[in-house]
Amino acid sequence: MKTTSKMYAGYSDEAVLLLQKANELDYVDAVKLYDKVISSFPEPAYAYAKRGYAYHKLEAFEQAIDDFDVAIDKNPKAKNTIWQRGISKWDLGLLKEAIEDLEKYSKLKPDDPEAFYWMGEIAEEMDELELSSSYFESALRIDSGYEQAVESLNRVKERIESGS
């Protein structure tokens, strides 16, 4: 079975089967399969990204970020991996770093309002209300019907007006 999928480039057929099987497992067992694949095939980025996602779901955010770093070093334009690293950084409390990753993601996928929405949420958490407002407005320029962004923008504007 030869696979032509770009994400499986650099893996043997056996490794591809393990990667596919990992998708069906709970995250703890999936990590074990990703470990096995990575030990045999350390060069391709995909298994690192998938293991990073599993670590994120297990709330092992530092390990997740480490794997995302490796995956991004190997594939600097991996939009979803950059996105997920940003979310992991946010969950770890690394707010500025999270925004930096979501900014990188938004440059690779500028038509995605989600990135701007979440940057707005993070900036609000940092009490950077003007910045938060501008991110929500950017999300709404892409999708004027994005209800969460509308609600969040209104909330931030109220905070700005009330001085809190």
N, C-alpha and C. Protein backbone atom coordinates (compact mmCIF):
# COMPACT_ATOMS: atom_id res chain seq x y z
N MET A 1 0.84 -1.18 0.00
CA MET A 1 0.00 0.00 0.00
C MET A 1 0.88 1.24 0.00
N LYS A 2 1.02 1.87 -1.10
CA LYS A 2 1.75 3.12 -1.18
C LYS A 2 0.76 4.27 -1.02
N THR A 3 1.14 5.21 -0.20
CA THR A 3 0.26 6.35 0.02
C THR A 3 0.88 7.59 -0.63
N THR A 4 0.04 8.43 -1.17
CA THR A 4 0.53 9.65 -1.80
C THR A 4 0.18 10.88 -0.96
N SER A 5 -0.48 10.67 0.16
CA SER A 5 -0.89 11.79 0.99
C SER A 5 0.34 12.56 1.48
N LYS A 6 0.31 13.86 1.32
CA LYS A 6 1.43 14.72 1.71
C LYS A 6 1.76 14.58 3.20
N MET A 7 0.73 14.44 4.03
CA MET A 7 1.00 14.37 5.47
C MET A 7 1.75 13.10 5.85
N TYR A 8 1.67 12.06 5.03
CA TYR A 8 2.35 10.81 5.33
C TYR A 8 3.69 10.67 4.61
N ALA A 9 4.12 11.71 3.91
CA ALA A 9 5.39 11.66 3.20
C ALA A 9 6.53 11.40 4.19
N GLY A 10 7.39 10.46 3.82
CA GLY A 10 8.54 10.14 4.66
C GLY A 10 8.32 8.99 5.62
N TYR A 11 7.10 8.45 5.64
CA TYR A 11 6.79 7.33 6.54
C TYR A 11 6.65 6.03 5.74
N SER A 12 6.99 4.92 6.37
CA SER A 12 6.76 3.61 5.75
C SER A 12 5.27 3.30 5.79
N ASP A 13 4.87 2.29 5.04
CA ASP A 13 3.47 1.87 5.06
C ASP A 13 3.05 1.45 6.46
N GLU A 14 3.94 0.75 7.17
CA GLU A 14 3.64 0.32 8.55
C GLU A 14 3.43 1.53 9.47
N ALA A 15 4.28 2.54 9.31
CA ALA A 15 4.15 3.74 10.14
C ALA A 15 2.84 4.46 9.82
N VAL A 16 2.45 4.50 8.55
CA VAL A 16 1.18 5.13 8.16
C VAL A 16 0.02 4.40 8.84
N LEU A 17 0.07 3.09 8.87
CA LEU A 17 -0.99 2.32 9.54
C LEU A 17 -1.04 2.65 11.03
N LEU A 18 0.12 2.80 11.66
CA LEU A 18 0.16 3.18 13.08
C LEU A 18 -0.42 4.58 13.29
N LEU A 19 -0.06 5.50 12.41
CA LEU A 19 -0.59 6.87 12.52
C LEU A 19 -2.11 6.87 12.36
N GLN A 20 -2.59 6.09 11.43
CA GLN A 20 -4.04 6.01 11.23
C GLN A 20 -4.73 5.35 12.42
N LYS A 21 -4.11 4.32 12.96
CA LYS A 21 -4.69 3.64 14.13
C LYS A 21 -4.74 4.58 15.34
N ALA A 22 -3.71 5.40 15.48
CA ALA A 22 -3.65 6.33 16.61
C ALA A 22 -4.86 7.26 16.64
N ASN A 23 -5.39 7.58 15.46
CA ASN A 23 -6.57 8.44 15.39
C ASN A 23 -7.80 7.82 16.03
N GLU A 24 -7.80 6.51 16.19
CA GLU A 24 -8.95 5.80 16.75
C GLU A 24 -8.81 5.54 18.25
N LEU A 25 -7.68 5.89 18.82
CA LEU A 25 -7.39 5.55 20.22
C LEU A 25 -7.63 6.74 21.14
N ASP A 26 -7.67 6.44 22.45
CA ASP A 26 -7.68 7.54 23.40
C ASP A 26 -6.30 8.21 23.35
N TYR A 27 -6.20 9.40 23.90
CA TYR A 27 -4.99 10.19 23.73
C TYR A 27 -3.77 9.57 24.38
N VAL A 28 -3.93 8.89 25.52
CA VAL A 28 -2.78 8.25 26.18
C VAL A 28 -2.19 7.17 25.27
N ASP A 29 -3.05 6.32 24.73
CA ASP A 29 -2.57 5.26 23.85
C ASP A 29 -2.07 5.81 22.52
N ALA A 30 -2.68 6.88 22.05
CA ALA A 30 -2.21 7.50 20.81
C ALA A 30 -0.79 8.02 20.97
N VAL A 31 -0.50 8.63 22.11
CA VAL A 31 0.86 9.14 22.35
C VAL A 31 1.87 8.00 22.23
N LYS A 32 1.54 6.83 22.77
CA LYS A 32 2.45 5.69 22.68
C LYS A 32 2.73 5.30 21.23
N LEU A 33 1.70 5.32 20.40
CA LEU A 33 1.92 5.00 18.98
C LEU A 33 2.74 6.09 18.29
N TYR A 34 2.45 7.34 18.60
CA TYR A 34 3.25 8.42 18.02
C TYR A 34 4.71 8.31 18.45
N ASP A 35 4.94 7.94 19.72
CA ASP A 35 6.32 7.72 20.19
C ASP A 35 7.02 6.67 19.32
N LYS A 36 6.31 5.59 19.06
CA LYS A 36 6.88 4.49 18.26
C LYS A 36 7.20 4.97 16.85
N VAL A 37 6.29 5.70 16.24
CA VAL A 37 6.53 6.20 14.88
C VAL A 37 7.70 7.18 14.88
N ILE A 38 7.72 8.09 15.83
CA ILE A 38 8.79 9.09 15.88
C ILE A 38 10.15 8.45 16.11
N SER A 39 10.20 7.40 16.93
CA SER A 39 11.49 6.75 17.18
C SER A 39 12.06 6.12 15.91
N SER A 40 11.18 5.67 15.01
CA SER A 40 11.64 5.07 13.75
C SER A 40 11.77 6.09 12.62
N PHE A 41 10.96 7.13 12.67
CA PHE A 41 10.93 8.15 11.61
C PHE A 41 10.95 9.54 12.24
N PRO A 42 12.13 9.99 12.70
CA PRO A 42 12.19 11.28 13.40
C PRO A 42 12.14 12.51 12.49
N GLU A 43 12.25 12.35 11.19
CA GLU A 43 12.33 13.51 10.30
C GLU A 43 10.99 14.14 9.94
N PRO A 44 9.97 13.37 9.53
CA PRO A 44 8.71 14.03 9.13
C PRO A 44 8.01 14.72 10.31
N ALA A 45 7.30 15.77 10.00
CA ALA A 45 6.67 16.62 11.02
C ALA A 45 5.35 16.08 11.55
N TYR A 46 4.63 15.32 10.74
CA TYR A 46 3.24 14.96 11.05
C TYR A 46 3.06 14.29 12.41
N ALA A 47 3.88 13.30 12.73
CA ALA A 47 3.71 12.58 14.00
C ALA A 47 3.95 13.51 15.20
N TYR A 48 4.88 14.44 15.06
CA TYR A 48 5.11 15.41 16.14
C TYR A 48 3.87 16.28 16.35
N ALA A 49 3.28 16.73 15.25
CA ALA A 49 2.08 17.56 15.35
C ALA A 49 0.94 16.78 15.99
N LYS A 50 0.77 15.54 15.56
CA LYS A 50 -0.32 14.72 16.11
C LYS A 50 -0.07 14.40 17.59
N ARG A 51 1.18 14.10 17.95
CA ARG A 51 1.47 13.84 19.36
C ARG A 51 1.29 15.11 20.17
N GLY A 52 1.67 16.24 19.62
CA GLY A 52 1.46 17.51 20.30
C GLY A 52 -0.02 17.74 20.58
N TYR A 53 -0.86 17.45 19.59
CA TYR A 53 -2.30 17.60 19.78
C TYR A 53 -2.80 16.67 20.88
N ALA A 54 -2.32 15.43 20.88
CA ALA A 54 -2.72 14.48 21.93
C ALA A 54 -2.28 14.99 23.31
N TYR A 55 -1.05 15.48 23.39
CA TYR A 55 -0.58 16.05 24.67
C TYR A 55 -1.46 17.23 25.08
N HIS A 56 -1.83 18.05 24.12
CA HIS A 56 -2.70 19.19 24.45
C HIS A 56 -4.01 18.69 25.06
N LYS A 57 -4.61 17.70 24.43
CA LYS A 57 -5.88 17.16 24.93
C LYS A 57 -5.71 16.54 26.32
N LEU A 58 -4.51 16.06 26.62
CA LEU A 58 -4.20 15.52 27.95
C LEU A 58 -3.80 16.62 28.93
N GLU A 59 -3.84 17.87 28.47
CA GLU A 59 -3.46 19.05 29.25
C GLU A 59 -1.99 19.03 29.68
N ALA A 60 -1.17 18.37 28.88
CA ALA A 60 0.28 18.38 29.06
C ALA A 60 0.82 19.44 28.09
N PHE A 61 0.52 20.70 28.42
CA PHE A 61 0.74 21.79 27.48
C PHE A 61 2.21 22.02 27.14
N GLU A 62 3.10 21.87 28.11
CA GLU A 62 4.53 22.08 27.82
C GLU A 62 5.03 21.04 26.83
N GLN A 63 4.62 19.78 27.02
CA GLN A 63 5.02 18.73 26.08
C GLN A 63 4.39 18.98 24.71
N ALA A 64 3.16 19.43 24.71
CA ALA A 64 2.49 19.75 23.45
C ALA A 64 3.27 20.82 22.70
N ILE A 65 3.63 21.88 23.40
CA ILE A 65 4.36 22.99 22.77
C ILE A 65 5.70 22.50 22.23
N ASP A 66 6.39 21.66 23.00
CA ASP A 66 7.67 21.10 22.54
C ASP A 66 7.50 20.36 21.21
N ASP A 67 6.47 19.52 21.14
CA ASP A 67 6.23 18.78 19.89
C ASP A 67 5.81 19.70 18.76
N PHE A 68 4.97 20.68 19.06
CA PHE A 68 4.58 21.63 18.01
C PHE A 68 5.80 22.40 17.52
N ASP A 69 6.71 22.75 18.43
CA ASP A 69 7.94 23.45 18.02
C ASP A 69 8.72 22.61 17.01
N VAL A 70 8.88 21.32 17.30
CA VAL A 70 9.62 20.44 16.39
C VAL A 70 8.90 20.36 15.05
N ALA A 71 7.59 20.16 15.09
CA ALA A 71 6.82 20.04 13.86
C ALA A 71 6.92 21.32 13.02
N ILE A 72 6.86 22.47 13.68
CA ILE A 72 6.93 23.75 12.96
C ILE A 72 8.33 23.99 12.41
N ASP A 73 9.36 23.57 13.16
CA ASP A 73 10.73 23.68 12.64
C ASP A 73 10.87 22.87 11.34
N LYS A 74 10.19 21.73 11.30
CA LYS A 74 10.26 20.85 10.13
C LYS A 74 9.33 21.31 9.01
N ASN A 75 8.26 21.99 9.37
CA ASN A 75 7.28 22.47 8.38
C ASN A 75 6.76 23.84 8.83
N PRO A 76 7.51 24.91 8.52
CA PRO A 76 7.18 26.25 9.02
C PRO A 76 5.83 26.81 8.57
N LYS A 77 5.22 26.23 7.56
CA LYS A 77 3.93 26.74 7.08
C LYS A 77 2.77 25.84 7.48
N ALA A 78 2.97 25.03 8.50
CA ALA A 78 1.92 24.12 8.98
C ALA A 78 0.91 24.94 9.77
N LYS A 79 -0.09 25.47 9.07
CA LYS A 79 -1.06 26.39 9.68
C LYS A 79 -1.71 25.81 10.94
N ASN A 80 -2.22 24.61 10.84
CA ASN A 80 -2.95 24.03 11.97
C ASN A 80 -2.05 23.80 13.17
N THR A 81 -0.79 23.46 12.92
CA THR A 81 0.16 23.24 14.01
C THR A 81 0.49 24.57 14.69
N ILE A 82 0.66 25.61 13.90
CA ILE A 82 0.92 26.95 14.47
C ILE A 82 -0.28 27.38 15.31
N TRP A 83 -1.48 27.17 14.76
CA TRP A 83 -2.72 27.48 15.49
C TRP A 83 -2.74 26.75 16.83
N GLN A 84 -2.53 25.43 16.79
CA GLN A 84 -2.64 24.63 17.99
C GLN A 84 -1.57 24.99 19.02
N ARG A 85 -0.36 25.33 18.54
CA ARG A 85 0.68 25.76 19.48
C ARG A 85 0.24 27.05 20.17
N GLY A 86 -0.38 27.95 19.43
CA GLY A 86 -0.88 29.18 20.04
C GLY A 86 -1.92 28.90 21.11
N ILE A 87 -2.83 27.98 20.83
CA ILE A 87 -3.86 27.64 21.82
C ILE A 87 -3.22 26.98 23.04
N SER A 88 -2.24 26.12 22.82
CA SER A 88 -1.54 25.48 23.95
C SER A 88 -0.82 26.53 24.80
N LYS A 89 -0.21 27.50 24.14
CA LYS A 89 0.47 28.57 24.89
C LYS A 89 -0.55 29.37 25.70
N TRP A 90 -1.70 29.63 25.12
CA TRP A 90 -2.76 30.33 25.86
C TRP A 90 -3.17 29.52 27.07
N ASP A 91 -3.39 28.24 26.88
CA ASP A 91 -3.80 27.38 28.00
C ASP A 91 -2.73 27.31 29.08
N LEU A 92 -1.48 27.51 28.70
CA LEU A 92 -0.38 27.50 29.66
C LEU A 92 -0.18 28.88 30.30
N GLY A 93 -0.91 29.88 29.81
CA GLY A 93 -0.80 31.23 30.37
C GLY A 93 0.24 32.09 29.68
N LEU A 94 0.77 31.63 28.56
CA LEU A 94 1.75 32.40 27.80
C LEU A 94 1.01 33.25 26.77
N LEU A 95 0.38 34.31 27.26
CA LEU A 95 -0.59 35.04 26.45
C LEU A 95 0.04 35.77 25.27
N LYS A 96 1.14 36.49 25.49
CA LYS A 96 1.78 37.21 24.38
C LYS A 96 2.27 36.24 23.32
N GLU A 97 2.85 35.14 23.77
CA GLU A 97 3.34 34.13 22.84
C GLU A 97 2.18 33.50 22.07
N ALA A 98 1.05 33.32 22.73
CA ALA A 98 -0.13 32.77 22.06
C ALA A 98 -0.58 33.70 20.94
N ILE A 99 -0.64 34.98 21.24
CA ILE A 99 -1.03 35.95 20.21
C ILE A 99 -0.04 35.94 19.05
N GLU A 100 1.26 35.83 19.36
CA GLU A 100 2.27 35.79 18.29
C GLU A 100 2.00 34.62 17.34
N ASP A 101 1.68 33.44 17.90
CA ASP A 101 1.40 32.29 17.04
C ASP A 101 0.12 32.49 16.23
N LEU A 102 -0.89 33.04 16.87
CA LEU A 102 -2.14 33.26 16.14
C LEU A 102 -1.95 34.34 15.06
N GLU A 103 -1.07 35.30 15.31
CA GLU A 103 -0.73 36.28 14.27
C GLU A 103 -0.06 35.58 13.09
N LYS A 104 0.88 34.66 13.38
CA LYS A 104 1.53 33.91 12.31
C LYS A 104 0.49 33.11 11.52
N TYR A 105 -0.40 32.47 12.24
CA TYR A 105 -1.46 31.70 11.59
C TYR A 105 -2.30 32.61 10.69
N SER A 106 -2.66 33.79 11.21
CA SER A 106 -3.53 34.69 10.44
C SER A 106 -2.85 35.20 9.18
N LYS A 107 -1.53 35.25 9.18
CA LYS A 107 -0.82 35.65 7.96
C LYS A 107 -0.86 34.52 6.92
N LEU A 108 -0.87 33.27 7.40
CA LEU A 108 -0.94 32.13 6.50
C LEU A 108 -2.37 31.86 6.03
N LYS A 109 -3.33 32.27 6.85
CA LYS A 109 -4.74 32.06 6.51
C LYS A 109 -5.52 33.32 6.88
N PRO A 110 -5.33 34.38 6.11
CA PRO A 110 -5.90 35.69 6.47
C PRO A 110 -7.43 35.78 6.40
N ASP A 111 -8.07 34.81 5.80
CA ASP A 111 -9.53 34.85 5.67
C ASP A 111 -10.24 34.09 6.78
N ASP A 112 -9.52 33.71 7.82
CA ASP A 112 -10.11 32.96 8.94
C ASP A 112 -10.40 33.91 10.10
N PRO A 113 -11.66 34.21 10.35
CA PRO A 113 -11.99 35.13 11.43
C PRO A 113 -11.70 34.57 12.83
N GLU A 114 -11.62 33.24 12.93
CA GLU A 114 -11.39 32.60 14.24
C GLU A 114 -10.09 33.09 14.89
N ALA A 115 -9.05 33.20 14.10
CA ALA A 115 -7.77 33.64 14.65
C ALA A 115 -7.90 35.02 15.28
N PHE A 116 -8.58 35.93 14.58
CA PHE A 116 -8.74 37.28 15.11
C PHE A 116 -9.65 37.28 16.34
N TYR A 117 -10.68 36.45 16.30
CA TYR A 117 -11.57 36.33 17.46
C TYR A 117 -10.78 35.90 18.69
N TRP A 118 -10.00 34.83 18.56
CA TRP A 118 -9.27 34.32 19.72
C TRP A 118 -8.17 35.28 20.16
N MET A 119 -7.54 35.98 19.24
CA MET A 119 -6.57 37.00 19.64
C MET A 119 -7.27 38.09 20.44
N GLY A 120 -8.50 38.42 20.05
CA GLY A 120 -9.28 39.40 20.81
C GLY A 120 -9.57 38.91 22.22
N GLU A 121 -9.93 37.65 22.35
CA GLU A 121 -10.19 37.08 23.68
C GLU A 121 -8.93 37.10 24.55
N ILE A 122 -7.81 36.73 23.95
CA ILE A 122 -6.55 36.72 24.71
C ILE A 122 -6.14 38.13 25.09
N ALA A 123 -6.25 39.08 24.16
CA ALA A 123 -5.89 40.47 24.47
C ALA A 123 -6.78 41.01 25.57
N GLU A 124 -8.06 40.65 25.57
CA GLU A 124 -8.94 41.09 26.66
C GLU A 124 -8.47 40.50 27.99
N GLU A 125 -8.08 39.24 27.96
CA GLU A 125 -7.57 38.61 29.19
C GLU A 125 -6.33 39.33 29.71
N MET A 126 -5.57 39.92 28.79
CA MET A 126 -4.37 40.69 29.16
C MET A 126 -4.73 42.12 29.55
N ASP A 127 -6.02 42.48 29.52
CA ASP A 127 -6.49 43.84 29.77
C ASP A 127 -5.98 44.83 28.73
N GLU A 128 -5.71 44.34 27.55
CA GLU A 128 -5.34 45.18 26.40
C GLU A 128 -6.63 45.41 25.60
N LEU A 129 -7.50 46.26 26.13
CA LEU A 129 -8.85 46.38 25.60
C LEU A 129 -8.91 46.99 24.20
N GLU A 130 -8.10 47.98 23.92
CA GLU A 130 -8.09 48.58 22.58
C GLU A 130 -7.62 47.56 21.55
N LEU A 131 -6.58 46.81 21.91
CA LEU A 131 -6.07 45.77 21.02
C LEU A 131 -7.13 44.69 20.83
N SER A 132 -7.76 44.30 21.90
CA SER A 132 -8.82 43.31 21.84
C SER A 132 -9.92 43.76 20.89
N SER A 133 -10.34 44.99 21.05
CA SER A 133 -11.38 45.56 20.20
C SER A 133 -10.97 45.50 18.72
N SER A 134 -9.72 45.83 18.43
CA SER A 134 -9.27 45.82 17.03
C SER A 134 -9.26 44.41 16.46
N TYR A 135 -8.92 43.42 17.27
CA TYR A 135 -8.97 42.03 16.79
C TYR A 135 -10.40 41.60 16.49
N PHE A 136 -11.32 41.93 17.38
CA PHE A 136 -12.72 41.58 17.13
C PHE A 136 -13.24 42.27 15.87
N GLU A 137 -12.85 43.52 15.68
CA GLU A 137 -13.26 44.24 14.47
C GLU A 137 -12.68 43.58 13.22
N SER A 138 -11.44 43.08 13.32
CA SER A 138 -10.84 42.36 12.18
C SER A 138 -11.62 41.09 11.87
N ALA A 139 -12.03 40.37 12.90
CA ALA A 139 -12.83 39.16 12.69
C ALA A 139 -14.13 39.52 11.99
N LEU A 140 -14.72 40.62 12.39
CA LEU A 140 -16.00 41.03 11.81
C LEU A 140 -15.85 41.57 10.38
N ARG A 141 -14.68 42.10 10.04
CA ARG A 141 -14.45 42.51 8.65
C ARG A 141 -14.44 41.29 7.73
N ILE A 142 -14.00 40.17 8.26
CA ILE A 142 -13.96 38.93 7.48
C ILE A 142 -15.34 38.28 7.45
N ASP A 143 -16.02 38.29 8.60
CA ASP A 143 -17.34 37.65 8.70
C ASP A 143 -18.23 38.54 9.56
N SER A 144 -19.00 39.39 8.92
CA SER A 144 -19.83 40.37 9.64
C SER A 144 -20.93 39.71 10.47
N GLY A 145 -21.23 38.45 10.21
CA GLY A 145 -22.26 37.76 10.96
C GLY A 145 -21.73 36.88 12.08
N TYR A 146 -20.47 37.06 12.43
CA TYR A 146 -19.82 36.24 13.46
C TYR A 146 -20.32 36.70 14.84
N GLU A 147 -21.35 36.02 15.33
CA GLU A 147 -22.05 36.44 16.55
C GLU A 147 -21.15 36.53 17.77
N GLN A 148 -20.26 35.55 17.98
CA GLN A 148 -19.38 35.60 19.14
C GLN A 148 -18.49 36.84 19.10
N ALA A 149 -18.02 37.20 17.92
CA ALA A 149 -17.18 38.39 17.80
C ALA A 149 -17.99 39.64 18.08
N VAL A 150 -19.24 39.68 17.61
CA VAL A 150 -20.11 40.83 17.89
C VAL A 150 -20.30 40.98 19.39
N GLU A 151 -20.64 39.88 20.05
CA GLU A 151 -20.88 39.92 21.51
C GLU A 151 -19.62 40.32 22.26
N SER A 152 -18.48 39.76 21.86
CA SER A 152 -17.23 40.08 22.54
C SER A 152 -16.82 41.52 22.31
N LEU A 153 -17.01 42.01 21.08
CA LEU A 153 -16.69 43.41 20.79
C LEU A 153 -17.56 44.33 21.64
N ASN A 154 -18.84 44.05 21.73
CA ASN A 154 -19.73 44.87 22.56
C ASN A 154 -19.30 44.84 24.02
N ARG A 155 -18.93 43.67 24.51
CA ARG A 155 -18.46 43.55 25.90
C ARG A 155 -17.21 44.39 26.14
N VAL A 156 -16.26 44.32 25.21
CA VAL A 156 -15.00 45.07 25.35
C VAL A 156 -15.28 46.57 25.26
N LYS A 157 -16.14 46.97 24.35
CA LYS A 157 -16.47 48.41 24.23
C LYS A 157 -17.10 48.92 25.51
N GLU A 158 -17.96 48.11 26.12
CA GLU A 158 -18.58 48.51 27.42
C GLU A 158 -17.51 48.64 28.48
N ARG A 159 -16.53 47.73 28.49
CA ARG A 159 -15.44 47.82 29.47
C ARG A 159 -14.61 49.09 29.24
N ILE A 160 -14.35 49.41 27.97
CA ILE A 160 -13.59 50.61 27.66
C ILE A 160 -14.34 51.86 28.12
N GLU A 161 -15.63 51.90 27.81
CA GLU A 161 -16.44 53.07 28.19
C GLU A 161 -16.57 53.21 29.70
N SER A 162 -16.65 52.11 30.41
CA SER A 162 -16.81 52.18 31.87
C SER A 162 -15.46 52.34 32.59
N GLY A 163 -14.38 52.17 31.83
CA GLY A 163 -13.06 52.34 32.44
C GLY A 163 -12.62 51.15 33.26
N SER A 164 -13.22 49.98 33.03
CA SER A 164 -12.79 48.81 33.82
C SER A 164 -11.97 47.84 33.03
